[in-house]
């Protein structure tokens, strides 16, 4: 940021934490409700439709999407 300020450059900021929540999951994933949300004695589960921060598959989905987008722009992977 110091270099950008010194040379009066323009920059773009990307929120990488929230980027995970935009991708559809490629597998069926269920999660249990956190403590305090379940009022009854029966434990309920939810099916996720989108990736979630902290989910193990989220970074993989983001990487696949990024790689696909860069390939469409003409970039090549280094073997």
Protein backbone atom coordinates (compact mmCIF):
# COMPACT_ATOMS: atom_id res chain seq x y z
CA UNK A 1 0.00 0.00 0.00
CA UNK A 2 2.93 2.31 0.65
CA UNK A 3 4.16 1.90 -2.95
CA UNK A 4 0.66 2.60 -4.27
CA UNK A 5 0.42 5.77 -2.18
CA UNK A 6 3.95 6.95 -3.05
CA UNK A 7 3.49 6.64 -6.81
CA UNK A 8 -0.21 7.67 -6.78
CA UNK A 9 -1.29 4.37 -8.35
CA UNK A 10 -4.80 2.92 -8.52
CA UNK A 11 -5.63 -0.42 -6.93
CA UNK A 12 -8.54 -2.80 -6.51
CA UNK A 13 -9.35 -4.66 -3.31
CA UNK A 14 -10.82 -8.16 -3.40
CA UNK A 15 -12.65 -9.67 -0.45
CA UNK A 16 -11.38 -13.25 -0.55
CA UNK A 17 -13.20 -14.34 2.61
CA UNK A 18 -16.66 -13.72 1.14
CA UNK A 19 -15.76 -15.02 -2.31
CA UNK A 20 -16.35 -18.60 -1.11
CA UNK A 21 -20.08 -18.10 -0.57
CA UNK A 22 -20.85 -17.49 -4.27
CA UNK A 23 -20.14 -20.99 -5.59
CA UNK A 24 -22.63 -23.82 -5.91
CA UNK A 25 -21.54 -27.03 -4.24
CA UNK A 26 -20.62 -29.95 -6.48
CA UNK A 27 -21.60 -32.52 -3.82
CA UNK A 28 -24.46 -32.80 -1.35
CA UNK A 29 -23.43 -31.39 2.04
CA UNK A 30 -25.46 -31.39 5.26
CA UNK A 31 -24.64 -29.46 8.44
CA UNK A 32 -26.02 -29.60 11.98
CA UNK A 33 -27.54 -26.47 13.43
CA UNK A 34 -25.27 -24.64 15.87
CA UNK A 35 -26.10 -24.76 19.60
CA UNK A 36 -28.90 -22.37 20.50
CA UNK A 37 -30.70 -22.57 17.14
CA UNK A 38 -32.35 -25.90 17.82
CA UNK A 39 -35.31 -25.41 20.17
CA UNK A 40 -36.64 -28.98 20.09
CA UNK A 41 -35.12 -32.22 21.33
CA UNK A 42 -34.63 -33.52 17.78
CA UNK A 43 -31.35 -32.51 16.12
CA UNK A 44 -32.01 -30.90 12.77
CA UNK A 45 -29.68 -30.75 9.79
CA UNK A 46 -29.59 -28.35 6.87
CA UNK A 47 -28.61 -29.03 3.28
CA UNK A 48 -26.22 -26.43 1.94
CA UNK A 49 -26.86 -25.06 -1.55
CA UNK A 50 -23.85 -22.74 -1.68
CA UNK A 51 -20.31 -23.02 -0.43
CA UNK A 52 -19.66 -21.69 3.04
CA UNK A 53 -16.58 -20.10 4.58
CA UNK A 54 -14.82 -22.76 6.63
CA UNK A 55 -16.18 -25.62 4.53
CA UNK A 56 -13.42 -27.92 3.32
CA UNK A 57 -14.58 -27.82 -0.33
CA UNK A 58 -14.87 -24.01 -0.58
CA UNK A 59 -11.21 -23.27 -1.49
CA UNK A 60 -11.23 -26.08 -4.07
CA UNK A 61 -14.35 -24.70 -5.76
CA UNK A 62 -12.82 -21.22 -5.79
CA UNK A 63 -9.56 -22.54 -7.28
CA UNK A 64 -11.42 -24.45 -10.02
CA UNK A 65 -13.41 -21.33 -10.92
CA UNK A 66 -10.31 -19.11 -10.92
CA UNK A 67 -8.34 -21.56 -13.09
CA UNK A 68 -11.24 -21.85 -15.54
CA UNK A 69 -11.60 -18.07 -15.78
CA UNK A 70 -7.87 -17.54 -16.34
CA UNK A 71 -7.80 -20.26 -19.03
CA UNK A 72 -10.68 -18.52 -20.84
CA UNK A 73 -8.63 -15.30 -20.82
CA UNK A 74 -5.77 -17.12 -22.55
CA UNK A 75 -3.49 -17.87 -19.62
CA UNK A 76 -1.77 -21.27 -19.59
CA UNK A 77 -0.95 -23.49 -16.60
CA UNK A 78 2.72 -24.08 -15.86
CA UNK A 79 3.42 -27.83 -15.72
